[in-house]
Amino acid sequence: MRKSMKEAIGITVLDMIESGINFSFTQKDLRKKRHLSQTVFAQLLNVSSSSVRQWEQGERIPNLFVAR
């Protein structure tokens, strides 16, 4: 996947979080509604699969940094 696409997805996720939209990684909604595995979702966000697993289990809160 191209770097620009990954950045666009990351920016969109950050915008959703910052705008206060009812959004939760722990409910897996975003990933599951799009029929993505944790591995593919992690690749789209440019994070590790372990991070996605920990977010979904409520062990960690996403800390995504994307250059704007």
C-alpha atoms as a PDB file:
ATOM      1  CA  MET A   1       0.000   0.000   0.000  1.00  0.00           C
ATOM      2  CA  ARG A   2       1.259   3.445  -0.832  1.00  0.00           C
ATOM      3  CA  LYS A   3       2.530   5.676   1.938  1.00  0.00           C
ATOM      4  CA  SER A   4       0.087   8.461   1.007  1.00  0.00           C
ATOM      5  CA  MET A   5      -2.868   6.116   1.463  1.00  0.00           C
ATOM      6  CA  LYS A   6      -1.625   5.011   4.890  1.00  0.00           C
ATOM      7  CA  GLU A   7      -1.207   8.636   5.911  1.00  0.00           C
ATOM      8  CA  ALA A   8      -4.727   9.496   4.701  1.00  0.00           C
ATOM      9  CA  ILE A   9      -6.233   6.648   6.720  1.00  0.00           C
ATOM     10  CA  GLY A  10      -4.234   7.632   9.794  1.00  0.00           C
ATOM     11  CA  ILE A  11      -5.331  11.261   9.470  1.00  0.00           C
ATOM     12  CA  THR A  12      -8.972  10.203   9.100  1.00  0.00           C
ATOM     13  CA  VAL A  13      -8.806   8.076  12.251  1.00  0.00           C
ATOM     14  CA  LEU A  14      -7.154  10.915  14.173  1.00  0.00           C
ATOM     15  CA  ASP A  15      -9.765  13.395  12.940  1.00  0.00           C
ATOM     16  CA  MET A  16     -12.535  11.060  14.123  1.00  0.00           C
ATOM     17  CA  ILE A  17     -10.959  10.778  17.559  1.00  0.00           C
ATOM     18  CA  GLU A  18     -10.310  14.526  17.858  1.00  0.00           C
ATOM     19  CA  SER A  19     -13.819  15.478  16.700  1.00  0.00           C
ATOM     20  CA  GLY A  20     -15.416  13.554  19.533  1.00  0.00           C
ATOM     21  CA  ILE A  21     -17.259  11.081  17.313  1.00  0.00           C
ATOM     22  CA  ASN A  22     -18.368   8.091  19.354  1.00  0.00           C
ATOM     23  CA  PHE A  23     -15.433   5.942  18.332  1.00  0.00           C
ATOM     24  CA  SER A  24     -13.878   3.016  20.131  1.00  0.00           C
ATOM     25  CA  PHE A  25     -11.042   0.700  19.200  1.00  0.00           C
ATOM     26  CA  THR A  26     -11.986  -1.600  22.055  1.00  0.00           C
ATOM     27  CA  GLN A  27     -15.293  -2.510  20.393  1.00  0.00           C
ATOM     28  CA  LYS A  28     -13.565  -3.546  17.141  1.00  0.00           C
ATOM     29  CA  ASP A  29     -16.352  -1.798  15.206  1.00  0.00           C
ATOM     30  CA  LEU A  30     -14.167   0.089  12.774  1.00  0.00           C
ATOM     31  CA  ARG A  31     -12.118  -2.955  11.841  1.00  0.00           C
ATOM     32  CA  LYS A  32     -14.866  -5.569  11.837  1.00  0.00           C
ATOM     33  CA  LYS A  33     -17.396  -3.550   9.833  1.00  0.00           C
ATOM     34  CA  ARG A  34     -14.832  -3.381   7.069  1.00  0.00           C
ATOM     35  CA  HIS A  35     -14.007  -7.100   7.351  1.00  0.00           C
ATOM     36  CA  LEU A  36     -10.340  -6.465   8.086  1.00  0.00           C
ATOM     37  CA  SER A  37      -8.077  -8.741  10.067  1.00  0.00           C
ATOM     38  CA  GLN A  38      -6.045  -7.246  12.888  1.00  0.00           C
ATOM     39  CA  THR A  39      -2.952  -7.665  10.730  1.00  0.00           C
ATOM     40  CA  VAL A  40      -4.383  -5.774   7.746  1.00  0.00           C
ATOM     41  CA  PHE A  41      -5.845  -3.061   9.995  1.00  0.00           C
ATOM     42  CA  ALA A  42      -2.447  -2.664  11.664  1.00  0.00           C
ATOM     43  CA  GLN A  43      -0.768  -2.317   8.272  1.00  0.00           C
ATOM     44  CA  LEU A  44      -3.258   0.351   7.219  1.00  0.00           C
ATOM     45  CA  LEU A  45      -2.486   2.352  10.364  1.00  0.00           C
ATOM     46  CA  ASN A  46       1.228   1.586  10.171  1.00  0.00           C
ATOM     47  CA  VAL A  47       1.279   0.048  13.656  1.00  0.00           C
ATOM     48  CA  SER A  48       1.974  -3.454  14.954  1.00  0.00           C
ATOM     49  CA  SER A  49      -0.654  -6.185  15.114  1.00  0.00           C
ATOM     50  CA  SER A  50       0.120  -6.368  18.815  1.00  0.00           C
ATOM     51  CA  SER A  51      -0.947  -2.727  19.246  1.00  0.00           C
ATOM     52  CA  VAL A  52      -4.297  -3.394  17.569  1.00  0.00           C
ATOM     53  CA  ARG A  53      -4.851  -6.446  19.787  1.00  0.00           C
ATOM     54  CA  GLN A  54      -4.037  -4.439  22.922  1.00  0.00           C
ATOM     55  CA  TRP A  55      -6.377  -1.591  21.858  1.00  0.00           C
ATOM     56  CA  GLU A  56      -9.222  -4.002  21.273  1.00  0.00           C
ATOM     57  CA  GLN A  57      -8.698  -5.713  24.611  1.00  0.00           C
ATOM     58  CA  GLY A  58      -8.588  -2.364  26.396  1.00  0.00           C
ATOM     59  CA  GLU A  59      -4.980  -2.836  27.492  1.00  0.00           C
ATOM     60  CA  ARG A  60      -3.756   0.311  25.702  1.00  0.00           C
ATOM     61  CA  ILE A  61      -5.211   3.477  24.230  1.00  0.00           C
ATOM     62  CA  PRO A  62      -4.230   4.320  20.644  1.00  0.00           C
ATOM     63  CA  ASN A  63      -1.444   6.828  20.343  1.00  0.00           C
ATOM     64  CA  LEU A  64      -1.273   7.557  16.616  1.00  0.00           C
ATOM     65  CA  PHE A  65       1.009  10.257  15.318  1.00  0.00           C
ATOM     66  CA  VAL A  66       0.719  11.255  11.699  1.00  0.00           C
ATOM     67  CA  ALA A  67       2.576  14.168  10.156  1.00  0.00           C
ATOM     68  CA  ARG A  68       0.036  16.633   8.762  1.00  0.00           C
END
